[in-house]
């Protein structure tokens, strides 16, 4: 079995930055167990599986090394980019996913660079009780704990005062993995210079200690910062070791998340089955 396969760095204009995603282009669906094994073998935070539909749309599923995901931004961005490489001509492309239909458009960003723009459902955060152990597991200092706001949407959202607090986080990953923290924990703070906000994302329960660049968290971050800053369009940076940048825009009950992508490699997965 030969599967066209692409390794794409998403939410970056440079190789070896952003978030690596695997993209498998299929002619027909694979068994769930096989997709999970491929994702585990790839060891990317997400591997996407794209299947064309008769109506011109595509089915799209995402797998971490441990579980199937319900919404993934960077691997969707990567999938759209791969379709562009393969000369797909109908834009925006429509993907049918576990979170409904999501679309990706080809655009030029504010600096006239070619980018792709996700259209995802907004997930505004709501007040919640702070889980016991969450803030210590993140490694926040006492001064940071007093200034911290904790909310929840799909993930927990932890708000601190300064970008440097986000940059300097050194969480206890084993402790985080034991917490009932939904799909993960987002930490955010106001940005610096022309950046509106910064963030990091931890998902050890899904097999991702820290996600280098996460598109879906802006479904929560953009509504939060819209309420706080009184604007609808934002420049964001994800302060992971690899680094990433994106733009998010509130559009009614949707959030548009834009970023660049770079192709790292293109090849074929050759899967041999013993009969």
C-alpha atoms as a PDB file:
ATOM      1  CA  UNK A   1       0.000   0.000   0.000  1.00  0.00           C
ATOM      2  CA  UNK A   2       1.531   3.307  -1.120  1.00  0.00           C
ATOM      3  CA  UNK A   3       0.311   6.510   0.563  1.00  0.00           C
ATOM      4  CA  UNK A   4       1.429   9.976  -0.610  1.00  0.00           C
ATOM      5  CA  UNK A   5       2.941  11.571   2.485  1.00  0.00           C
ATOM      6  CA  UNK A   6       4.060  15.101   3.340  1.00  0.00           C
ATOM      7  CA  UNK A   7       5.866  16.600   6.330  1.00  0.00           C
ATOM      8  CA  UNK A   8       4.864  20.262   6.682  1.00  0.00           C
ATOM      9  CA  UNK A   9       5.948  22.913   9.212  1.00  0.00           C
ATOM     10  CA  UNK A  10       2.855  25.023  10.001  1.00  0.00           C
ATOM     11  CA  UNK A  11       2.458  28.553  11.387  1.00  0.00           C
ATOM     12  CA  UNK A  12       5.941  29.542  10.277  1.00  0.00           C
ATOM     13  CA  UNK A  13       7.710  30.912   7.236  1.00  0.00           C
ATOM     14  CA  UNK A  14      10.907  29.017   8.081  1.00  0.00           C
ATOM     15  CA  UNK A  15      11.902  25.378   8.165  1.00  0.00           C
ATOM     16  CA  UNK A  16      12.539  23.807  11.575  1.00  0.00           C
ATOM     17  CA  UNK A  17      10.079  26.177  13.260  1.00  0.00           C
ATOM     18  CA  UNK A  18       6.335  26.158  13.847  1.00  0.00           C
ATOM     19  CA  UNK A  19       4.629  22.811  14.289  1.00  0.00           C
ATOM     20  CA  UNK A  20       5.474  19.753  12.159  1.00  0.00           C
ATOM     21  CA  UNK A  21       2.460  17.858  10.831  1.00  0.00           C
ATOM     22  CA  UNK A  22       2.251  14.673   8.825  1.00  0.00           C
ATOM     23  CA  UNK A  23      -0.296  14.667   5.983  1.00  0.00           C
ATOM     24  CA  UNK A  24      -1.439  11.420   4.374  1.00  0.00           C
ATOM     25  CA  UNK A  25      -3.458  11.689   1.153  1.00  0.00           C
ATOM     26  CA  UNK A  26      -5.751   8.658   0.852  1.00  0.00           C
ATOM     27  CA  UNK A  27      -7.977   7.371  -1.939  1.00  0.00           C
ATOM     28  CA  UNK A  28     -10.217   5.623   0.602  1.00  0.00           C
ATOM     29  CA  UNK A  29     -10.453   5.589   4.422  1.00  0.00           C
ATOM     30  CA  UNK A  30      -8.067   3.443   6.445  1.00  0.00           C
ATOM     31  CA  UNK A  31      -8.944   1.504   9.576  1.00  0.00           C
ATOM     32  CA  UNK A  32      -8.820   3.646  12.705  1.00  0.00           C
ATOM     33  CA  UNK A  33      -6.244   1.349  14.266  1.00  0.00           C
ATOM     34  CA  UNK A  34      -3.914   1.737  11.273  1.00  0.00           C
ATOM     35  CA  UNK A  35      -4.194   5.546  11.279  1.00  0.00           C
ATOM     36  CA  UNK A  36      -3.384   5.549  14.971  1.00  0.00           C
ATOM     37  CA  UNK A  37      -0.317   3.352  14.392  1.00  0.00           C
ATOM     38  CA  UNK A  38       0.902   5.637  11.579  1.00  0.00           C
ATOM     39  CA  UNK A  39       0.502   8.678  13.839  1.00  0.00           C
ATOM     40  CA  UNK A  40       2.383   6.948  16.645  1.00  0.00           C
ATOM     41  CA  UNK A  41       5.160   5.996  14.239  1.00  0.00           C
ATOM     42  CA  UNK A  42       5.399   9.556  12.867  1.00  0.00           C
ATOM     43  CA  UNK A  43       5.679  11.029  16.381  1.00  0.00           C
ATOM     44  CA  UNK A  44       4.401  14.420  15.238  1.00  0.00           C
ATOM     45  CA  UNK A  45       1.925  16.106  17.548  1.00  0.00           C
ATOM     46  CA  UNK A  46      -0.655  15.463  14.792  1.00  0.00           C
ATOM     47  CA  UNK A  47      -0.918  13.408  11.618  1.00  0.00           C
ATOM     48  CA  UNK A  48      -3.765  14.292   9.246  1.00  0.00           C
ATOM     49  CA  UNK A  49      -5.573  11.850   6.958  1.00  0.00           C
ATOM     50  CA  UNK A  50      -7.305  13.399   3.944  1.00  0.00           C
ATOM     51  CA  UNK A  51      -9.859  11.520   1.812  1.00  0.00           C
ATOM     52  CA  UNK A  52     -11.605  13.090  -1.229  1.00  0.00           C
ATOM     53  CA  UNK A  53     -15.411  13.034  -1.322  1.00  0.00           C
ATOM     54  CA  UNK A  54     -17.606  12.666  -4.395  1.00  0.00           C
ATOM     55  CA  UNK A  55     -18.931  16.230  -3.966  1.00  0.00           C
ATOM     56  CA  UNK A  56     -15.462  17.786  -4.227  1.00  0.00           C
ATOM     57  CA  UNK A  57     -15.029  18.254  -0.471  1.00  0.00           C
ATOM     58  CA  UNK A  58     -12.678  16.206   1.717  1.00  0.00           C
ATOM     59  CA  UNK A  59     -12.966  14.126   4.857  1.00  0.00           C
ATOM     60  CA  UNK A  60     -10.270  15.001   7.370  1.00  0.00           C
ATOM     61  CA  UNK A  61      -9.217  13.249  10.568  1.00  0.00           C
ATOM     62  CA  UNK A  62      -6.388  14.020  12.972  1.00  0.00           C
ATOM     63  CA  UNK A  63      -4.440  11.661  15.232  1.00  0.00           C
ATOM     64  CA  UNK A  64      -1.904  12.457  17.936  1.00  0.00           C
ATOM     65  CA  UNK A  65       0.563   9.692  18.866  1.00  0.00           C
ATOM     66  CA  UNK A  66      -2.004   8.492  21.440  1.00  0.00           C
ATOM     67  CA  UNK A  67      -5.556   9.503  20.462  1.00  0.00           C
ATOM     68  CA  UNK A  68      -7.800  10.836  17.714  1.00  0.00           C
ATOM     69  CA  UNK A  69      -8.271  14.600  18.016  1.00  0.00           C
ATOM     70  CA  UNK A  70     -11.557  16.456  17.565  1.00  0.00           C
ATOM     71  CA  UNK A  71     -10.089  19.711  16.202  1.00  0.00           C
ATOM     72  CA  UNK A  72      -6.577  20.549  15.023  1.00  0.00           C
ATOM     73  CA  UNK A  73      -5.467  23.785  13.408  1.00  0.00           C
ATOM     74  CA  UNK A  74      -1.892  23.265  12.292  1.00  0.00           C
ATOM     75  CA  UNK A  75      -2.527  19.894  10.619  1.00  0.00           C
ATOM     76  CA  UNK A  76      -5.572  21.373   8.828  1.00  0.00           C
ATOM     77  CA  UNK A  77      -3.414  24.260   7.597  1.00  0.00           C
ATOM     78  CA  UNK A  78      -0.836  21.714   6.447  1.00  0.00           C
ATOM     79  CA  UNK A  79      -3.505  19.614   4.700  1.00  0.00           C
ATOM     80  CA  UNK A  80      -4.784  22.604   2.734  1.00  0.00           C
ATOM     81  CA  UNK A  81      -1.228  23.499   1.736  1.00  0.00           C
ATOM     82  CA  UNK A  82      -0.643  19.947   0.490  1.00  0.00           C
ATOM     83  CA  UNK A  83      -3.836  20.107  -1.587  1.00  0.00           C
ATOM     84  CA  UNK A  84      -2.535  23.341  -3.122  1.00  0.00           C
ATOM     85  CA  UNK A  85       0.732  21.574  -3.963  1.00  0.00           C
ATOM     86  CA  UNK A  86      -1.341  18.849  -5.612  1.00  0.00           C
ATOM     87  CA  UNK A  87      -3.090  21.488  -7.782  1.00  0.00           C
ATOM     88  CA  UNK A  88      -6.454  21.551  -6.034  1.00  0.00           C
ATOM     89  CA  UNK A  89      -8.338  24.466  -7.644  1.00  0.00           C
ATOM     90  CA  UNK A  90     -11.535  25.024  -5.614  1.00  0.00           C
ATOM     91  CA  UNK A  91     -11.051  27.439  -2.703  1.00  0.00           C
ATOM     92  CA  UNK A  92     -11.826  27.719   0.089  1.00  0.00           C
ATOM     93  CA  UNK A  93     -11.373  23.988   0.543  1.00  0.00           C
ATOM     94  CA  UNK A  94     -14.030  22.295   2.694  1.00  0.00           C
ATOM     95  CA  UNK A  95     -13.088  19.614   5.213  1.00  0.00           C
ATOM     96  CA  UNK A  96     -15.662  17.396   6.949  1.00  0.00           C
ATOM     97  CA  UNK A  97     -14.387  16.662  10.458  1.00  0.00           C
ATOM     98  CA  UNK A  98     -15.466  15.534  13.919  1.00  0.00           C
ATOM     99  CA  UNK A  99     -16.115  19.224  14.645  1.00  0.00           C
ATOM    100  CA  UNK A 100     -18.277  19.786  11.579  1.00  0.00           C
ATOM    101  CA  UNK A 101     -17.293  21.430   8.309  1.00  0.00           C
ATOM    102  CA  UNK A 102     -14.221  23.657   8.513  1.00  0.00           C
ATOM    103  CA  UNK A 103     -12.804  25.619   5.605  1.00  0.00           C
ATOM    104  CA  UNK A 104      -9.387  26.906   4.588  1.00  0.00           C
ATOM    105  CA  UNK A 105      -8.813  29.822   2.209  1.00  0.00           C
ATOM    106  CA  UNK A 106      -5.688  30.967   0.390  1.00  0.00           C
ATOM    107  CA  UNK A 107      -4.862  34.573   1.332  1.00  0.00           C
ATOM    108  CA  UNK A 108      -2.055  37.102   1.552  1.00  0.00           C
ATOM    109  CA  UNK A 109      -1.180  38.243   5.052  1.00  0.00           C
ATOM    110  CA  UNK A 110      -0.564  41.825   6.204  1.00  0.00           C
ATOM    111  CA  UNK A 111       2.954  41.686   4.725  1.00  0.00           C
ATOM    112  CA  UNK A 112       1.729  40.334   1.352  1.00  0.00           C
ATOM    113  CA  UNK A 113       3.059  36.837   2.025  1.00  0.00           C
ATOM    114  CA  UNK A 114       1.124  33.811   0.826  1.00  0.00           C
ATOM    115  CA  UNK A 115      -0.757  32.273   3.750  1.00  0.00           C
ATOM    116  CA  UNK A 116      -3.696  30.008   4.528  1.00  0.00           C
ATOM    117  CA  UNK A 117      -6.652  30.940   6.722  1.00  0.00           C
ATOM    118  CA  UNK A 118      -8.677  28.500   8.814  1.00  0.00           C
ATOM    119  CA  UNK A 119     -12.355  29.127   9.565  1.00  0.00           C
ATOM    120  CA  UNK A 120     -13.101  27.388  12.879  1.00  0.00           C
ATOM    121  CA  UNK A 121     -15.914  27.541  15.456  1.00  0.00           C
ATOM    122  CA  UNK A 122     -15.390  30.011  18.297  1.00  0.00           C
ATOM    123  CA  UNK A 123     -15.082  28.472  21.778  1.00  0.00           C
ATOM    124  CA  UNK A 124     -15.219  31.361  24.281  1.00  0.00           C
ATOM    125  CA  UNK A 125     -13.862  30.527  27.740  1.00  0.00           C
ATOM    126  CA  UNK A 126     -16.105  30.513  30.798  1.00  0.00           C
ATOM    127  CA  UNK A 127     -15.313  31.023  34.501  1.00  0.00           C
ATOM    128  CA  UNK A 128     -14.438  27.804  36.328  1.00  0.00           C
ATOM    129  CA  UNK A 129     -12.913  26.513  39.522  1.00  0.00           C
ATOM    130  CA  UNK A 130      -9.174  26.101  39.317  1.00  0.00           C
ATOM    131  CA  UNK A 131      -8.269  22.400  39.473  1.00  0.00           C
ATOM    132  CA  UNK A 132      -6.209  21.541  42.511  1.00  0.00           C
ATOM    133  CA  UNK A 133      -2.585  21.274  41.464  1.00  0.00           C
ATOM    134  CA  UNK A 134      -2.933  22.951  38.060  1.00  0.00           C
ATOM    135  CA  UNK A 135      -1.011  26.144  38.790  1.00  0.00           C
ATOM    136  CA  UNK A 136       1.821  24.432  40.724  1.00  0.00           C
ATOM    137  CA  UNK A 137       2.111  21.870  37.912  1.00  0.00           C
ATOM    138  CA  UNK A 138       2.616  24.739  35.458  1.00  0.00           C
ATOM    139  CA  UNK A 139       5.531  25.965  37.567  1.00  0.00           C
ATOM    140  CA  UNK A 140       4.139  29.444  38.128  1.00  0.00           C
ATOM    141  CA  UNK A 141       5.775  31.315  41.008  1.00  0.00           C
ATOM    142  CA  UNK A 142       3.832  32.589  43.987  1.00  0.00           C
ATOM    143  CA  UNK A 143       3.683  36.123  42.595  1.00  0.00           C
ATOM    144  CA  UNK A 144       2.268  34.758  39.372  1.00  0.00           C
ATOM    145  CA  UNK A 145      -0.308  32.638  41.162  1.00  0.00           C
ATOM    146  CA  UNK A 146      -1.870  35.673  42.830  1.00  0.00           C
ATOM    147  CA  UNK A 147      -2.364  37.398  39.487  1.00  0.00           C
ATOM    148  CA  UNK A 148      -3.640  34.363  37.590  1.00  0.00           C
ATOM    149  CA  UNK A 149      -7.097  33.996  36.046  1.00  0.00           C
ATOM    150  CA  UNK A 150      -8.269  30.487  35.155  1.00  0.00           C
ATOM    151  CA  UNK A 151     -11.137  29.820  32.726  1.00  0.00           C
ATOM    152  CA  UNK A 152     -12.219  26.884  30.605  1.00  0.00           C
ATOM    153  CA  UNK A 153     -13.573  26.092  27.149  1.00  0.00           C
ATOM    154  CA  UNK A 154     -12.380  22.856  25.545  1.00  0.00           C
ATOM    155  CA  UNK A 155      -9.090  23.448  27.360  1.00  0.00           C
ATOM    156  CA  UNK A 156      -8.171  25.289  30.524  1.00  0.00           C
ATOM    157  CA  UNK A 157      -7.074  28.876  29.897  1.00  0.00           C
ATOM    158  CA  UNK A 158      -4.587  30.339  32.384  1.00  0.00           C
ATOM    159  CA  UNK A 159      -3.981  34.093  32.084  1.00  0.00           C
ATOM    160  CA  UNK A 160      -0.864  35.693  33.559  1.00  0.00           C
ATOM    161  CA  UNK A 161       0.417  39.271  33.557  1.00  0.00           C
ATOM    162  CA  UNK A 162       3.541  39.231  31.413  1.00  0.00           C
ATOM    163  CA  UNK A 163       4.864  37.527  28.296  1.00  0.00           C
ATOM    164  CA  UNK A 164       8.043  36.654  30.171  1.00  0.00           C
ATOM    165  CA  UNK A 165       6.021  34.530  32.610  1.00  0.00           C
ATOM    166  CA  UNK A 166       4.729  32.509  29.663  1.00  0.00           C
ATOM    167  CA  UNK A 167       8.180  32.244  28.085  1.00  0.00           C
ATOM    168  CA  UNK A 168       9.807  31.105  31.348  1.00  0.00           C
ATOM    169  CA  UNK A 169       7.299  28.368  32.222  1.00  0.00           C
ATOM    170  CA  UNK A 170       8.877  25.040  33.097  1.00  0.00           C
ATOM    171  CA  UNK A 171       5.909  22.798  33.901  1.00  0.00           C
ATOM    172  CA  UNK A 172       5.902  19.436  35.618  1.00  0.00           C
ATOM    173  CA  UNK A 173       4.631  17.414  32.656  1.00  0.00           C
ATOM    174  CA  UNK A 174       3.972  14.272  34.698  1.00  0.00           C
ATOM    175  CA  UNK A 175       1.850  16.290  37.151  1.00  0.00           C
ATOM    176  CA  UNK A 176      -0.058  17.969  34.314  1.00  0.00           C
ATOM    177  CA  UNK A 177      -0.774  14.603  32.705  1.00  0.00           C
ATOM    178  CA  UNK A 178      -2.485  13.404  35.896  1.00  0.00           C
ATOM    179  CA  UNK A 179      -4.893  16.344  36.031  1.00  0.00           C
ATOM    180  CA  UNK A 180      -8.366  16.223  34.533  1.00  0.00           C
ATOM    181  CA  UNK A 181      -7.603  19.180  32.268  1.00  0.00           C
ATOM    182  CA  UNK A 182      -9.733  18.315  29.239  1.00  0.00           C
ATOM    183  CA  UNK A 183      -7.610  18.278  26.118  1.00  0.00           C
ATOM    184  CA  UNK A 184      -4.921  20.533  27.538  1.00  0.00           C
ATOM    185  CA  UNK A 185      -3.874  23.750  29.227  1.00  0.00           C
ATOM    186  CA  UNK A 186      -3.308  27.093  27.478  1.00  0.00           C
ATOM    187  CA  UNK A 187      -1.229  29.784  29.166  1.00  0.00           C
ATOM    188  CA  UNK A 188      -1.472  33.325  27.775  1.00  0.00           C
ATOM    189  CA  UNK A 189      -0.409  36.896  28.516  1.00  0.00           C
ATOM    190  CA  UNK A 190      -0.381  40.272  26.765  1.00  0.00           C
ATOM    191  CA  UNK A 191       2.132  40.478  23.948  1.00  0.00           C
ATOM    192  CA  UNK A 192       5.045  42.826  23.388  1.00  0.00           C
ATOM    193  CA  UNK A 193       5.544  45.354  20.584  1.00  0.00           C
ATOM    194  CA  UNK A 194       3.128  44.686  17.728  1.00  0.00           C
ATOM    195  CA  UNK A 195       2.078  41.301  19.180  1.00  0.00           C
ATOM    196  CA  UNK A 196      -1.319  41.394  20.905  1.00  0.00           C
ATOM    197  CA  UNK A 197      -0.952  38.206  22.938  1.00  0.00           C
ATOM    198  CA  UNK A 198       1.394  35.300  23.508  1.00  0.00           C
ATOM    199  CA  UNK A 199       0.629  31.715  24.466  1.00  0.00           C
ATOM    200  CA  UNK A 200       1.882  28.205  25.107  1.00  0.00           C
ATOM    201  CA  UNK A 201      -0.049  24.942  25.045  1.00  0.00           C
ATOM    202  CA  UNK A 202       0.464  21.692  26.995  1.00  0.00           C
ATOM    203  CA  UNK A 203      -1.369  18.416  26.209  1.00  0.00           C
ATOM    204  CA  UNK A 204       0.484  15.535  27.893  1.00  0.00           C
ATOM    205  CA  UNK A 205      -2.682  13.449  28.283  1.00  0.00           C
ATOM    206  CA  UNK A 206      -2.862  13.278  24.465  1.00  0.00           C
ATOM    207  CA  UNK A 207       0.794  12.400  24.067  1.00  0.00           C
ATOM    208  CA  UNK A 208       1.978  15.979  23.415  1.00  0.00           C
ATOM    209  CA  UNK A 209       4.031  17.406  26.283  1.00  0.00           C
ATOM    210  CA  UNK A 210       4.057  20.839  24.652  1.00  0.00           C
ATOM    211  CA  UNK A 211       2.539  21.676  21.290  1.00  0.00           C
ATOM    212  CA  UNK A 212       4.909  23.904  19.281  1.00  0.00           C
ATOM    213  CA  UNK A 213       2.102  25.764  17.437  1.00  0.00           C
ATOM    214  CA  UNK A 214      -1.618  25.262  17.972  1.00  0.00           C
ATOM    215  CA  UNK A 215      -4.269  26.735  15.696  1.00  0.00           C
ATOM    216  CA  UNK A 216      -7.359  25.505  17.534  1.00  0.00           C
ATOM    217  CA  UNK A 217      -6.543  27.291  20.814  1.00  0.00           C
ATOM    218  CA  UNK A 218      -7.214  30.614  19.108  1.00  0.00           C
ATOM    219  CA  UNK A 219     -10.881  29.596  18.996  1.00  0.00           C
ATOM    220  CA  UNK A 220     -10.679  30.347  22.733  1.00  0.00           C
ATOM    221  CA  UNK A 221      -7.888  32.921  22.861  1.00  0.00           C
ATOM    222  CA  UNK A 222      -9.375  35.282  20.263  1.00  0.00           C
ATOM    223  CA  UNK A 223     -12.760  35.608  22.056  1.00  0.00           C
ATOM    224  CA  UNK A 224     -10.985  36.154  25.388  1.00  0.00           C
ATOM    225  CA  UNK A 225      -8.671  38.862  24.062  1.00  0.00           C
ATOM    226  CA  UNK A 226     -11.499  40.452  22.056  1.00  0.00           C
ATOM    227  CA  UNK A 227     -13.362  41.024  25.313  1.00  0.00           C
ATOM    228  CA  UNK A 228     -10.269  42.339  27.051  1.00  0.00           C
ATOM    229  CA  UNK A 229      -8.772  44.503  24.295  1.00  0.00           C
ATOM    230  CA  UNK A 230     -11.943  45.636  22.516  1.00  0.00           C
ATOM    231  CA  UNK A 231     -10.764  44.614  19.033  1.00  0.00           C
ATOM    232  CA  UNK A 232     -11.418  41.739  16.633  1.00  0.00           C
ATOM    233  CA  UNK A 233      -8.092  41.070  14.871  1.00  0.00           C
ATOM    234  CA  UNK A 234      -4.923  39.984  16.652  1.00  0.00           C
ATOM    235  CA  UNK A 235      -1.299  39.122  16.048  1.00  0.00           C
ATOM    236  CA  UNK A 236      -0.210  36.225  18.246  1.00  0.00           C
ATOM    237  CA  UNK A 237       2.992  34.375  19.044  1.00  0.00           C
ATOM    238  CA  UNK A 238       3.338  30.907  20.499  1.00  0.00           C
ATOM    239  CA  UNK A 239       6.435  30.942  22.708  1.00  0.00           C
ATOM    240  CA  UNK A 240       7.422  27.296  22.317  1.00  0.00           C
ATOM    241  CA  UNK A 241      11.043  26.319  21.692  1.00  0.00           C
ATOM    242  CA  UNK A 242      10.370  26.160  17.929  1.00  0.00           C
ATOM    243  CA  UNK A 243       8.339  29.378  17.932  1.00  0.00           C
ATOM    244  CA  UNK A 244       5.292  30.231  15.839  1.00  0.00           C
ATOM    245  CA  UNK A 245       3.203  33.190  14.735  1.00  0.00           C
ATOM    246  CA  UNK A 246      -0.367  33.539  13.552  1.00  0.00           C
ATOM    247  CA  UNK A 247      -3.155  36.050  13.080  1.00  0.00           C
ATOM    248  CA  UNK A 248      -6.654  35.524  14.479  1.00  0.00           C
ATOM    249  CA  UNK A 249      -9.878  37.351  13.638  1.00  0.00           C
ATOM    250  CA  UNK A 250     -13.328  37.137  15.223  1.00  0.00           C
ATOM    251  CA  UNK A 251     -16.050  36.641  12.593  1.00  0.00           C
ATOM    252  CA  UNK A 252     -19.380  36.216  14.383  1.00  0.00           C
ATOM    253  CA  UNK A 253     -19.431  32.780  15.989  1.00  0.00           C
ATOM    254  CA  UNK A 254     -16.341  31.759  14.011  1.00  0.00           C
ATOM    255  CA  UNK A 255     -12.648  32.492  14.346  1.00  0.00           C
ATOM    256  CA  UNK A 256     -10.331  32.850  11.359  1.00  0.00           C
ATOM    257  CA  UNK A 257      -6.744  31.778  12.078  1.00  0.00           C
ATOM    258  CA  UNK A 258      -4.093  32.539   9.462  1.00  0.00           C
ATOM    259  CA  UNK A 259      -0.487  31.493   9.103  1.00  0.00           C
ATOM    260  CA  UNK A 260       2.275  30.460   6.760  1.00  0.00           C
ATOM    261  CA  UNK A 261       3.522  26.942   6.044  1.00  0.00           C
ATOM    262  CA  UNK A 262       6.707  25.347   4.734  1.00  0.00           C
ATOM    263  CA  UNK A 263       7.191  21.938   3.110  1.00  0.00           C
ATOM    264  CA  UNK A 264       9.923  19.877   4.746  1.00  0.00           C
ATOM    265  CA  UNK A 265       9.628  16.661   2.747  1.00  0.00           C
ATOM    266  CA  UNK A 266       7.407  14.857   0.273  1.00  0.00           C
ATOM    267  CA  UNK A 267       7.413  11.128  -0.284  1.00  0.00           C
ATOM    268  CA  UNK A 268       5.460   7.903  -0.039  1.00  0.00           C
ATOM    269  CA  UNK A 269       4.619   5.659   2.876  1.00  0.00           C
ATOM    270  CA  UNK A 270       5.027   2.065   1.752  1.00  0.00           C
ATOM    271  CA  UNK A 271       2.971  -0.173   4.036  1.00  0.00           C
ATOM    272  CA  UNK A 272       3.490  -3.896   3.550  1.00  0.00           C
ATOM    273  CA  UNK A 273       0.982  -6.260   5.067  1.00  0.00           C
ATOM    274  CA  UNK A 274       1.994  -9.822   5.854  1.00  0.00           C
ATOM    275  CA  UNK A 275      -0.670 -12.197   4.464  1.00  0.00           C
END
